C-alpha atoms as a PDB file:
ATOM      1  CA  MET A   1       6.652 -27.347  45.651  1.00  0.00           C
ATOM      2  CA  GLU A   2       5.754 -26.367  42.058  1.00  0.00           C
ATOM      3  CA  GLN A   3       8.557 -24.585  40.232  1.00  0.00           C
ATOM      4  CA  ARG A   4       7.658 -21.020  39.292  1.00  0.00           C
ATOM      5  CA  LYS A   5       7.208 -20.532  35.540  1.00  0.00           C
ATOM      6  CA  PRO A   6       9.370 -17.896  33.866  1.00  0.00           C
ATOM      7  CA  PRO A   7       7.472 -14.804  32.641  1.00  0.00           C
ATOM      8  CA  LEU A   8       6.890 -14.367  28.928  1.00  0.00           C
ATOM      9  CA  THR A   9       4.928 -11.882  26.865  1.00  0.00           C
ATOM     10  CA  LEU A  10       3.198 -13.406  23.863  1.00  0.00           C
ATOM     11  CA  TYR A  11       2.489 -10.777  21.221  1.00  0.00           C
ATOM     12  CA  LEU A  12      -0.432 -11.847  19.031  1.00  0.00           C
ATOM     13  CA  ALA A  13      -0.296 -10.254  15.591  1.00  0.00           C
ATOM     14  CA  ALA A  14      -3.631  -9.154  14.182  1.00  0.00           C
ATOM     15  CA  PRO A  15      -4.890  -9.717  11.580  1.00  0.00           C
ATOM     16  CA  ARG A  16      -3.776 -13.356  11.414  1.00  0.00           C
ATOM     17  CA  GLY A  17      -5.170 -16.681  10.219  1.00  0.00           C
ATOM     18  CA  PHE A  18      -8.052 -17.330   7.854  1.00  0.00           C
ATOM     19  CA  CYS A  19      -8.726 -14.847   5.066  1.00  0.00           C
ATOM     20  CA  ALA A  20     -12.040 -14.496   3.229  1.00  0.00           C
ATOM     21  CA  GLY A  21     -10.884 -16.600   0.276  1.00  0.00           C
ATOM     22  CA  VAL A  22      -9.834 -19.504   2.499  1.00  0.00           C
ATOM     23  CA  ASP A  23     -13.018 -19.299   4.565  1.00  0.00           C
ATOM     24  CA  ARG A  24     -15.091 -19.371   1.361  1.00  0.00           C
ATOM     25  CA  ALA A  25     -13.177 -22.355  -0.076  1.00  0.00           C
ATOM     26  CA  ILE A  26     -13.670 -24.431   3.072  1.00  0.00           C
ATOM     27  CA  LYS A  27     -17.387 -23.545   3.155  1.00  0.00           C
ATOM     28  CA  ILE A  28     -17.673 -24.660  -0.479  1.00  0.00           C
ATOM     29  CA  VAL A  29     -16.365 -28.141   0.353  1.00  0.00           C
ATOM     30  CA  GLU A  30     -18.601 -28.408   3.443  1.00  0.00           C
ATOM     31  CA  MET A  31     -21.687 -27.227   1.521  1.00  0.00           C
ATOM     32  CA  ALA A  32     -20.921 -29.582  -1.369  1.00  0.00           C
ATOM     33  CA  LEU A  33     -20.803 -32.500   1.081  1.00  0.00           C
ATOM     34  CA  GLN A  34     -24.172 -31.403   2.506  1.00  0.00           C
ATOM     35  CA  LYS A  35     -25.709 -31.034  -0.962  1.00  0.00           C
ATOM     36  CA  TRP A  36     -24.350 -34.121  -2.712  1.00  0.00           C
ATOM     37  CA  GLY A  37     -23.140 -36.319   0.134  1.00  0.00           C
ATOM     38  CA  ALA A  38     -19.769 -38.070   0.362  1.00  0.00           C
ATOM     39  CA  PRO A  39     -17.520 -38.482  -1.418  1.00  0.00           C
ATOM     40  CA  VAL A  40     -16.807 -35.117  -2.968  1.00  0.00           C
ATOM     41  CA  TYR A  41     -13.512 -34.845  -4.859  1.00  0.00           C
ATOM     42  CA  VAL A  42     -11.185 -31.860  -4.483  1.00  0.00           C
ATOM     43  CA  ARG A  43      -8.478 -31.189  -7.049  1.00  0.00           C
ATOM     44  CA  HIS A  44      -5.378 -30.258  -5.028  1.00  0.00           C
ATOM     45  CA  GLU A  45      -5.512 -29.325  -1.330  1.00  0.00           C
ATOM     46  CA  ILE A  46      -8.430 -26.900  -0.997  1.00  0.00           C
ATOM     47  CA  VAL A  47      -6.073 -24.664   1.033  1.00  0.00           C
ATOM     48  CA  HIS A  48      -2.522 -25.339   2.164  1.00  0.00           C
ATOM     49  CA  ASN A  49      -3.060 -26.563   5.702  1.00  0.00           C
ATOM     50  CA  LYS A  50      -2.897 -30.201   6.824  1.00  0.00           C
ATOM     51  CA  TYR A  51      -5.250 -29.672   9.774  1.00  0.00           C
ATOM     52  CA  VAL A  52      -7.935 -28.225   7.491  1.00  0.00           C
ATOM     53  CA  VAL A  53      -7.438 -30.874   4.792  1.00  0.00           C
ATOM     54  CA  ASP A  54      -7.537 -33.736   7.308  1.00  0.00           C
ATOM     55  CA  SER A  55     -10.727 -32.312   8.884  1.00  0.00           C
ATOM     56  CA  LEU A  56     -12.444 -32.181   5.488  1.00  0.00           C
ATOM     57  CA  ARG A  57     -11.153 -35.637   4.599  1.00  0.00           C
ATOM     58  CA  GLU A  58     -12.824 -37.006   7.728  1.00  0.00           C
ATOM     59  CA  LYS A  59     -16.116 -35.489   6.532  1.00  0.00           C
ATOM     60  CA  GLY A  60     -15.868 -37.254   3.170  1.00  0.00           C
ATOM     61  CA  ALA A  61     -13.693 -35.113   0.891  1.00  0.00           C
ATOM     62  CA  ILE A  62     -11.200 -36.976  -1.308  1.00  0.00           C
ATOM     63  CA  PHE A  63      -8.167 -34.946  -2.340  1.00  0.00           C
ATOM     64  CA  VAL A  64      -6.483 -35.662  -5.675  1.00  0.00           C
ATOM     65  CA  GLU A  65      -3.867 -33.893  -7.753  1.00  0.00           C
ATOM     66  CA  GLU A  66      -5.384 -34.271 -11.211  1.00  0.00           C
ATOM     67  CA  LEU A  67      -8.854 -34.443 -12.721  1.00  0.00           C
ATOM     68  CA  ASP A  68      -8.198 -37.871 -14.244  1.00  0.00           C
ATOM     69  CA  GLU A  69      -8.195 -39.278 -10.690  1.00  0.00           C
ATOM     70  CA  CYS A  70     -11.869 -38.283 -10.308  1.00  0.00           C
ATOM     71  CA  PRO A  71     -14.847 -40.375 -11.457  1.00  0.00           C
ATOM     72  CA  ASP A  72     -17.321 -38.752 -13.847  1.00  0.00           C
ATOM     73  CA  ASP A  73     -20.305 -39.248 -11.542  1.00  0.00           C
ATOM     74  CA  ARG A  74     -19.106 -37.410  -8.417  1.00  0.00           C
ATOM     75  CA  PRO A  75     -18.745 -33.642  -7.882  1.00  0.00           C
ATOM     76  CA  VAL A  76     -15.271 -32.127  -8.004  1.00  0.00           C
ATOM     77  CA  ILE A  77     -14.110 -28.860  -6.466  1.00  0.00           C
ATOM     78  CA  PHE A  78     -11.197 -26.764  -7.709  1.00  0.00           C
ATOM     79  CA  SER A  79      -8.961 -25.379  -4.963  1.00  0.00           C
ATOM     80  CA  ALA A  80      -8.720 -21.764  -3.787  1.00  0.00           C
ATOM     81  CA  HIS A  81      -5.437 -21.361  -5.711  1.00  0.00           C
ATOM     82  CA  GLY A  82      -7.145 -21.534  -9.108  1.00  0.00           C
ATOM     83  CA  VAL A  83      -6.662 -23.883 -12.056  1.00  0.00           C
ATOM     84  CA  PRO A  84      -5.557 -23.597 -15.692  1.00  0.00           C
ATOM     85  CA  LYS A  85      -8.390 -23.122 -18.203  1.00  0.00           C
ATOM     86  CA  SER A  86      -7.820 -26.652 -19.465  1.00  0.00           C
ATOM     87  CA  VAL A  87      -9.139 -28.149 -16.197  1.00  0.00           C
ATOM     88  CA  PRO A  88     -12.757 -26.847 -16.270  1.00  0.00           C
ATOM     89  CA  ALA A  89     -12.740 -27.418 -20.034  1.00  0.00           C
ATOM     90  CA  GLU A  90     -11.955 -31.098 -19.456  1.00  0.00           C
ATOM     91  CA  ALA A  91     -14.585 -31.297 -16.694  1.00  0.00           C
ATOM     92  CA  ARG A  92     -17.199 -29.920 -19.089  1.00  0.00           C
ATOM     93  CA  ARG A  93     -16.131 -32.400 -21.785  1.00  0.00           C
ATOM     94  CA  ARG A  94     -16.666 -35.223 -19.291  1.00  0.00           C
ATOM     95  CA  GLU A  95     -20.015 -33.673 -18.224  1.00  0.00           C
ATOM     96  CA  MET A  96     -18.865 -33.558 -14.601  1.00  0.00           C
ATOM     97  CA  VAL A  97     -20.466 -31.520 -11.852  1.00  0.00           C
ATOM     98  CA  PHE A  98     -17.785 -29.104 -10.674  1.00  0.00           C
ATOM     99  CA  VAL A  99     -17.533 -26.106  -8.359  1.00  0.00           C
ATOM    100  CA  ASP A 100     -14.768 -23.542  -8.672  1.00  0.00           C
ATOM    101  CA  ALA A 101     -13.466 -22.459  -5.230  1.00  0.00           C
ATOM    102  CA  THR A 102     -10.818 -20.143  -6.700  1.00  0.00           C
ATOM    103  CA  CYS A 103     -10.348 -17.124  -4.455  1.00  0.00           C
ATOM    104  CA  PRO A 104     -12.054 -14.120  -6.100  1.00  0.00           C
ATOM    105  CA  LEU A 105      -8.833 -12.122  -5.705  1.00  0.00           C
ATOM    106  CA  VAL A 106      -6.968 -14.781  -7.700  1.00  0.00           C
ATOM    107  CA  SER A 107      -9.768 -14.749 -10.287  1.00  0.00           C
ATOM    108  CA  LYS A 108      -9.249 -10.979 -10.559  1.00  0.00           C
ATOM    109  CA  VAL A 109      -5.656 -11.613 -11.640  1.00  0.00           C
ATOM    110  CA  HIS A 110      -6.890 -14.170 -14.198  1.00  0.00           C
ATOM    111  CA  VAL A 111      -9.239 -11.566 -15.676  1.00  0.00           C
ATOM    112  CA  GLU A 112      -6.414  -9.016 -15.732  1.00  0.00           C
ATOM    113  CA  ALA A 113      -4.153 -11.411 -17.642  1.00  0.00           C
ATOM    114  CA  GLU A 114      -6.867 -12.183 -20.201  1.00  0.00           C
ATOM    115  CA  ARG A 115      -7.671  -8.483 -20.690  1.00  0.00           C
ATOM    116  CA  HIS A 116      -4.030  -7.574 -21.346  1.00  0.00           C
ATOM    117  CA  HIS A 117      -3.636 -10.575 -23.657  1.00  0.00           C
ATOM    118  CA  ALA A 118      -6.706  -9.488 -25.623  1.00  0.00           C
ATOM    119  CA  GLY A 119      -5.035  -6.075 -25.965  1.00  0.00           C
ATOM    120  CA  GLY A 120      -1.970  -7.677 -27.551  1.00  0.00           C
ATOM    121  CA  LEU A 121       0.311  -7.470 -24.510  1.00  0.00           C
ATOM    122  CA  GLN A 122       2.636 -10.236 -23.377  1.00  0.00           C
ATOM    123  CA  MET A 123       2.456 -10.902 -19.625  1.00  0.00           C
ATOM    124  CA  VAL A 124       5.214 -10.990 -17.031  1.00  0.00           C
ATOM    125  CA  MET A 125       4.139 -12.821 -13.895  1.00  0.00           C
ATOM    126  CA  ILE A 126       5.950 -12.303 -10.594  1.00  0.00           C
ATOM    127  CA  GLY A 127       5.572 -15.521  -8.623  1.00  0.00           C
ATOM    128  CA  HIS A 128       7.035 -18.806  -7.435  1.00  0.00           C
ATOM    129  CA  GLU A 129       7.593 -21.483 -10.051  1.00  0.00           C
ATOM    130  CA  GLY A 130       5.455 -24.566  -9.512  1.00  0.00           C
ATOM    131  CA  HIS A 131       3.044 -22.959  -7.038  1.00  0.00           C
ATOM    132  CA  PRO A 132      -0.577 -23.951  -7.858  1.00  0.00           C
ATOM    133  CA  GLU A 133      -1.678 -20.322  -8.098  1.00  0.00           C
ATOM    134  CA  VAL A 134       1.079 -19.558 -10.595  1.00  0.00           C
ATOM    135  CA  LEU A 135       0.257 -22.665 -12.651  1.00  0.00           C
ATOM    136  CA  GLY A 136      -3.407 -21.683 -12.645  1.00  0.00           C
ATOM    137  CA  THR A 137      -2.764 -18.081 -13.651  1.00  0.00           C
ATOM    138  CA  MET A 138      -0.255 -18.914 -16.386  1.00  0.00           C
ATOM    139  CA  GLY A 139      -2.709 -21.529 -17.620  1.00  0.00           C
ATOM    140  CA  GLN A 140      -5.277 -18.847 -18.443  1.00  0.00           C
ATOM    141  CA  LEU A 141      -3.293 -17.865 -21.545  1.00  0.00           C
ATOM    142  CA  PRO A 142      -1.688 -19.775 -24.423  1.00  0.00           C
ATOM    143  CA  GLU A 143       1.788 -21.183 -23.828  1.00  0.00           C
ATOM    144  CA  GLY A 144       4.537 -18.574 -24.192  1.00  0.00           C
ATOM    145  CA  GLU A 145       2.254 -15.648 -23.412  1.00  0.00           C
ATOM    146  CA  VAL A 146       3.299 -15.463 -19.744  1.00  0.00           C
ATOM    147  CA  ILE A 147       6.933 -15.002 -18.675  1.00  0.00           C
ATOM    148  CA  LEU A 148       7.590 -15.973 -15.040  1.00  0.00           C
ATOM    149  CA  VAL A 149      10.070 -14.056 -12.878  1.00  0.00           C
ATOM    150  CA  GLU A 150      10.881 -14.890  -9.258  1.00  0.00           C
ATOM    151  CA  THR A 151      13.686 -12.434  -8.426  1.00  0.00           C
ATOM    152  CA  VAL A 152      15.147  -9.080  -9.418  1.00  0.00           C
ATOM    153  CA  ALA A 153      17.949 -10.993 -11.163  1.00  0.00           C
ATOM    154  CA  ASP A 154      15.375 -12.751 -13.374  1.00  0.00           C
ATOM    155  CA  VAL A 155      14.286  -9.402 -14.850  1.00  0.00           C
ATOM    156  CA  SER A 156      17.548  -9.035 -16.774  1.00  0.00           C
ATOM    157  CA  LYS A 157      16.981 -12.461 -18.407  1.00  0.00           C
ATOM    158  CA  ILE A 158      13.590 -11.607 -19.893  1.00  0.00           C
ATOM    159  CA  ARG A 159      13.482 -11.819 -23.696  1.00  0.00           C
ATOM    160  CA  PRO A 160      10.038 -10.466 -24.605  1.00  0.00           C
ATOM    161  CA  ARG A 161       8.438 -10.569 -28.016  1.00  0.00           C
ATOM    162  CA  ASP A 162       8.162  -6.772 -27.941  1.00  0.00           C
ATOM    163  CA  ALA A 163       9.708  -4.743 -25.094  1.00  0.00           C
ATOM    164  CA  ASP A 164       7.108  -2.012 -25.594  1.00  0.00           C
ATOM    165  CA  ARG A 165       4.128  -4.376 -25.368  1.00  0.00           C
ATOM    166  CA  LEU A 166       4.315  -5.835 -21.866  1.00  0.00           C
ATOM    167  CA  ALA A 167       2.148  -5.952 -18.739  1.00  0.00           C
ATOM    168  CA  PHE A 168       2.845  -7.510 -15.347  1.00  0.00           C
ATOM    169  CA  ILE A 169       0.754  -9.361 -12.793  1.00  0.00           C
ATOM    170  CA  THR A 170       1.721 -10.995  -9.507  1.00  0.00           C
ATOM    171  CA  GLN A 171       0.907 -13.993  -7.370  1.00  0.00           C
ATOM    172  CA  THR A 172      -1.386 -12.833  -4.557  1.00  0.00           C
ATOM    173  CA  THR A 173       0.694 -14.237  -1.667  1.00  0.00           C
ATOM    174  CA  LEU A 174       4.141 -12.696  -2.229  1.00  0.00           C
ATOM    175  CA  SER A 175       6.308 -10.578   0.053  1.00  0.00           C
ATOM    176  CA  VAL A 176       5.173  -6.988  -0.431  1.00  0.00           C
ATOM    177  CA  ASP A 177       8.733  -5.650  -0.089  1.00  0.00           C
ATOM    178  CA  ASP A 178      10.370  -8.241  -2.362  1.00  0.00           C
ATOM    179  CA  THR A 179       7.722  -7.704  -5.015  1.00  0.00           C
ATOM    180  CA  ALA A 180       8.220  -3.935  -4.913  1.00  0.00           C
ATOM    181  CA  GLY A 181      11.887  -4.489  -5.784  1.00  0.00           C
ATOM    182  CA  ILE A 182      11.021  -6.708  -8.742  1.00  0.00           C
ATOM    183  CA  VAL A 183       8.389  -4.244 -10.000  1.00  0.00           C
ATOM    184  CA  ALA A 184      10.955  -1.418  -9.787  1.00  0.00           C
ATOM    185  CA  ALA A 185      13.411  -3.497 -11.833  1.00  0.00           C
ATOM    186  CA  LEU A 186      10.741  -4.255 -14.447  1.00  0.00           C
ATOM    187  CA  LYS A 187       9.810  -0.586 -14.780  1.00  0.00           C
ATOM    188  CA  ALA A 188      13.476   0.422 -15.039  1.00  0.00           C
ATOM    189  CA  ARG A 189      14.124  -2.047 -17.869  1.00  0.00           C
ATOM    190  CA  PHE A 190      10.739  -1.725 -19.577  1.00  0.00           C
ATOM    191  CA  PRO A 191       9.472   1.843 -18.974  1.00  0.00           C
ATOM    192  CA  SER A 192       6.246   1.250 -20.914  1.00  0.00           C
ATOM    193  CA  ILE A 193       5.252  -1.908 -19.010  1.00  0.00           C
ATOM    194  CA  VAL A 194       1.648  -1.815 -17.802  1.00  0.00           C
ATOM    195  CA  GLY A 195       0.867  -2.682 -14.174  1.00  0.00           C
ATOM    196  CA  PRO A 196      -2.372  -3.658 -12.445  1.00  0.00           C
ATOM    197  CA  ALA A 197      -4.840  -0.868 -11.660  1.00  0.00           C
ATOM    198  CA  LYS A 198      -4.978  -2.218  -8.113  1.00  0.00           C
ATOM    199  CA  GLU A 199      -2.302  -4.199  -6.258  1.00  0.00           C
ATOM    200  CA  ASP A 200      -2.421  -7.936  -7.051  1.00  0.00           C
ATOM    201  CA  ILE A 201      -0.995  -8.975  -3.668  1.00  0.00           C
ATOM    202  CA  CYS A 202      -4.152  -9.579  -1.671  1.00  0.00           C
ATOM    203  CA  TYR A 203      -5.326  -7.548   1.303  1.00  0.00           C
ATOM    204  CA  ALA A 204      -4.849 -10.500   3.688  1.00  0.00           C
ATOM    205  CA  THR A 205      -1.229 -11.094   2.673  1.00  0.00           C
ATOM    206  CA  THR A 206      -0.467  -7.376   2.963  1.00  0.00           C
ATOM    207  CA  ASN A 207      -2.200  -7.013   6.343  1.00  0.00           C
ATOM    208  CA  ARG A 208      -0.522 -10.064   7.892  1.00  0.00           C
ATOM    209  CA  GLN A 209       2.907  -8.907   6.782  1.00  0.00           C
ATOM    210  CA  ALA A 210       2.266  -5.405   8.187  1.00  0.00           C
ATOM    211  CA  ALA A 211       1.248  -6.918  11.537  1.00  0.00           C
ATOM    212  CA  VAL A 212       4.476  -8.938  11.702  1.00  0.00           C
ATOM    213  CA  LYS A 213       6.514  -5.803  10.987  1.00  0.00           C
ATOM    214  CA  ALA A 214       4.703  -4.034  13.833  1.00  0.00           C
ATOM    215  CA  VAL A 215       5.412  -6.874  16.281  1.00  0.00           C
ATOM    216  CA  ALA A 216       9.030  -7.555  15.264  1.00  0.00           C
ATOM    217  CA  PRO A 217      10.782  -4.743  17.229  1.00  0.00           C
ATOM    218  CA  SER A 218       9.275  -5.977  20.522  1.00  0.00           C
ATOM    219  CA  ILE A 219      10.106  -9.693  20.310  1.00  0.00           C
ATOM    220  CA  ASP A 220      13.001 -12.128  20.673  1.00  0.00           C
ATOM    221  CA  ALA A 221      11.404 -14.801  18.463  1.00  0.00           C
ATOM    222  CA  LEU A 222       8.552 -15.159  15.979  1.00  0.00           C
ATOM    223  CA  LEU A 223       6.422 -18.232  15.395  1.00  0.00           C
ATOM    224  CA  VAL A 224       4.292 -18.438  12.265  1.00  0.00           C
ATOM    225  CA  ILE A 225       1.606 -21.116  12.246  1.00  0.00           C
ATOM    226  CA  GLY A 226       1.304 -22.498   8.739  1.00  0.00           C
ATOM    227  CA  ALA A 227       2.240 -25.253   6.333  1.00  0.00           C
ATOM    228  CA  GLU A 228       5.503 -25.720   4.429  1.00  0.00           C
ATOM    229  CA  ASN A 229       3.637 -25.476   1.113  1.00  0.00           C
ATOM    230  CA  SER A 230       1.805 -22.290   2.147  1.00  0.00           C
ATOM    231  CA  SER A 231       3.347 -19.369   0.263  1.00  0.00           C
ATOM    232  CA  ASN A 232       1.796 -16.639   2.412  1.00  0.00           C
ATOM    233  CA  SER A 233       2.933 -18.371   5.639  1.00  0.00           C
ATOM    234  CA  LYS A 234       6.520 -18.746   4.426  1.00  0.00           C
ATOM    235  CA  ARG A 235       6.550 -15.079   3.432  1.00  0.00           C
ATOM    236  CA  LEU A 236       5.579 -14.137   7.019  1.00  0.00           C
ATOM    237  CA  VAL A 237       8.672 -15.969   8.292  1.00  0.00           C
ATOM    238  CA  GLU A 238      10.833 -14.055   5.810  1.00  0.00           C
ATOM    239  CA  VAL A 239       9.203 -10.735   6.717  1.00  0.00           C
ATOM    240  CA  GLY A 240       9.952 -11.399  10.400  1.00  0.00           C
ATOM    241  CA  ARG A 241      13.614 -12.086   9.660  1.00  0.00           C
ATOM    242  CA  ALA A 242      13.902  -9.030   7.421  1.00  0.00           C
ATOM    243  CA  ALA A 243      12.370  -6.928  10.212  1.00  0.00           C
ATOM    244  CA  GLY A 244      15.185  -7.971  12.559  1.00  0.00           C
ATOM    245  CA  CYS A 245      13.684 -10.893  14.447  1.00  0.00           C
ATOM    246  CA  ARG A 246      16.676 -13.173  15.142  1.00  0.00           C
ATOM    247  CA  TYR A 247      14.529 -16.340  15.306  1.00  0.00           C
ATOM    248  CA  SER A 248      11.605 -16.577  12.898  1.00  0.00           C
ATOM    249  CA  GLN A 249      10.152 -20.042  12.422  1.00  0.00           C
ATOM    250  CA  LEU A 250       7.265 -21.798  10.655  1.00  0.00           C
ATOM    251  CA  VAL A 251       5.369 -24.427  12.658  1.00  0.00           C
ATOM    252  CA  LEU A 252       2.376 -26.479  11.564  1.00  0.00           C
ATOM    253  CA  ARG A 253       1.112 -26.721  15.133  1.00  0.00           C
ATOM    254  CA  ALA A 254       2.242 -26.688  18.786  1.00  0.00           C
ATOM    255  CA  ASP A 255       4.054 -30.036  18.747  1.00  0.00           C
ATOM    256  CA  GLN A 256       6.543 -28.646  16.205  1.00  0.00           C
ATOM    257  CA  ILE A 257       7.798 -25.810  18.414  1.00  0.00           C
ATOM    258  CA  ASP A 258      11.529 -26.003  19.100  1.00  0.00           C
ATOM    259  CA  TRP A 259      11.497 -24.950  22.755  1.00  0.00           C
ATOM    260  CA  ARG A 260      15.293 -25.020  23.018  1.00  0.00           C
ATOM    261  CA  ALA A 261      15.585 -22.458  20.233  1.00  0.00           C
ATOM    262  CA  ILE A 262      13.458 -19.946  22.149  1.00  0.00           C
ATOM    263  CA  GLU A 263      14.890 -20.697  25.583  1.00  0.00           C
ATOM    264  CA  GLY A 264      15.645 -17.437  27.383  1.00  0.00           C
ATOM    265  CA  ALA A 265      13.192 -15.449  25.273  1.00  0.00           C
ATOM    266  CA  ARG A 266      11.035 -13.030  27.216  1.00  0.00           C
ATOM    267  CA  ALA A 267       8.876 -11.856  24.330  1.00  0.00           C
ATOM    268  CA  VAL A 268       7.615 -14.039  21.466  1.00  0.00           C
ATOM    269  CA  GLY A 269       5.495 -12.997  18.501  1.00  0.00           C
ATOM    270  CA  LEU A 270       2.764 -15.283  17.208  1.00  0.00           C
ATOM    271  CA  THR A 271       0.899 -15.107  13.916  1.00  0.00           C
ATOM    272  CA  ALA A 272      -0.781 -17.504  11.498  1.00  0.00           C
ATOM    273  CA  GLY A 273      -0.862 -17.754   7.734  1.00  0.00           C
ATOM    274  CA  ALA A 274      -4.100 -17.142   5.850  1.00  0.00           C
ATOM    275  CA  SER A 275      -4.901 -20.861   5.638  1.00  0.00           C
ATOM    276  CA  ALA A 276      -4.287 -21.645   9.342  1.00  0.00           C
ATOM    277  CA  PRO A 277      -7.352 -21.876  11.627  1.00  0.00           C
ATOM    278  CA  GLU A 278      -7.532 -20.032  14.951  1.00  0.00           C
ATOM    279  CA  VAL A 279      -7.813 -23.340  16.821  1.00  0.00           C
ATOM    280  CA  LEU A 280      -4.116 -23.911  16.084  1.00  0.00           C
ATOM    281  CA  VAL A 281      -3.280 -20.464  17.489  1.00  0.00           C
ATOM    282  CA  ASP A 282      -5.150 -21.378  20.677  1.00  0.00           C
ATOM    283  CA  GLU A 283      -3.241 -24.660  20.823  1.00  0.00           C
ATOM    284  CA  VAL A 284       0.103 -22.837  20.653  1.00  0.00           C
ATOM    285  CA  ILE A 285      -0.959 -20.343  23.331  1.00  0.00           C
ATOM    286  CA  GLU A 286      -1.864 -23.229  25.658  1.00  0.00           C
ATOM    287  CA  ALA A 287       1.510 -24.872  24.977  1.00  0.00           C
ATOM    288  CA  PHE A 288       3.221 -21.636  26.058  1.00  0.00           C
ATOM    289  CA  ARG A 289       1.036 -21.389  29.166  1.00  0.00           C
ATOM    290  CA  ALA A 290       2.137 -24.884  30.179  1.00  0.00           C
ATOM    291  CA  ARG A 291       5.753 -23.651  30.255  1.00  0.00           C
ATOM    292  CA  TYR A 292       5.577 -19.926  31.002  1.00  0.00           C
ATOM    293  CA  ALA A 293       3.635 -17.375  32.988  1.00  0.00           C
ATOM    294  CA  VAL A 294       2.150 -15.832  29.849  1.00  0.00           C
ATOM    295  CA  THR A 295       0.993 -12.260  29.355  1.00  0.00           C
ATOM    296  CA  LEU A 296      -0.980 -11.857  26.134  1.00  0.00           C
ATOM    297  CA  ASP A 297      -0.634  -8.628  24.153  1.00  0.00           C
ATOM    298  CA  VAL A 298      -2.569  -8.202  20.898  1.00  0.00           C
ATOM    299  CA  VAL A 299      -0.939  -5.948  18.289  1.00  0.00           C
ATOM    300  CA  GLU A 300      -3.596  -4.989  15.756  1.00  0.00           C
ATOM    301  CA  THR A 301      -2.630  -3.063  12.640  1.00  0.00           C
ATOM    302  CA  ALA A 302      -5.840  -3.449  10.602  1.00  0.00           C
ATOM    303  CA  GLN A 303      -9.397  -4.725  10.811  1.00  0.00           C
ATOM    304  CA  GLU A 304     -10.817  -7.046   8.181  1.00  0.00           C
ATOM    305  CA  ASN A 305     -14.487  -7.435   7.305  1.00  0.00           C
ATOM    306  CA  VAL A 306     -14.185  -8.953   3.823  1.00  0.00           C
ATOM    307  CA  GLU A 307     -16.568 -11.764   2.923  1.00  0.00           C
ATOM    308  CA  PHE A 308     -16.958 -13.622  -0.386  1.00  0.00           C
ATOM    309  CA  LYS A 309     -20.167 -15.352  -1.449  1.00  0.00           C
ATOM    310  CA  VAL A 310     -20.179 -19.044  -2.290  1.00  0.00           C
ATOM    311  CA  PRO A 311     -21.254 -20.087  -5.821  1.00  0.00           C
ATOM    312  CA  ARG A 312     -24.975 -19.994  -6.563  1.00  0.00           C
ATOM    313  CA  VAL A 313     -25.109 -23.754  -7.223  1.00  0.00           C
ATOM    314  CA  LEU A 314     -24.463 -24.307  -3.511  1.00  0.00           C
ATOM    315  CA  ARG A 315     -26.881 -21.626  -2.265  1.00  0.00           C
ATOM    316  CA  GLY A 316     -29.987 -23.043  -3.895  1.00  0.00           C
ATOM    317  CA  PRO A 317     -32.097 -25.993  -2.679  1.00  0.00           C
ATOM    318  CA  ALA A 318     -30.380 -29.399  -2.600  1.00  0.00           C
END
């Protein structure tokens, strides 16, 4: 006689998964392969998700970390995270065919930084040291023109050229709440600091964090589908913990779930970072159904209908 499965409610946070910038970046690689054939080179992972990268690799994309790993005679694509100005400059010098897949919302921050720099302001960037988006954004301006801060404590260590001539920008994938604390500290120490006209943290990051906060009071555990090097996915884990979820964990896909850790749970939240495809969400749901009598409950806090166009070079005839 088959053993009866324990009941479990799986709360699906919405929005979750792919954002418009990620969807656009993946399309760019796929369209480049259609236009120019394999191989097409991609500088850095196009988005931070192994499943996505492996799928594109199977289609003929070759992922490298630096431009000097690419031959001159094959197209190269710059990842959704953005690149320093020196990278396209070097590609032009080598007369390479290149396509910039930088998310338009990241490009907006680049334009902001350049505008403030042109106005004589030194930039403070709130972000995570070493993250490709941060490296790309800081690389839009000359060395020394962007001061990086990661925490509230870092604000007290800032030694600007002129305390009255500062502006701040942020990485697009930060924790909304943590960033608000850092911005408050910056404004307290530098009252004349100039902020962005519109929030730098992107709509997708904000919406996914809000959905996790809405789910958190109802669940015993939270699973976030995403990669270890995905900033927005890791922030979702932190948001879940801050919202009171005793077990909040990042998993790349279903085979990474620690079933012992959630044993006894009767309600589990499930979301996915902006670079995680819905197929991995479905995979996790099926893994739960194999072990539990699952009731699905979708908790939707916003609807997204954002779409970004791909570059013109890929929209014309091959």
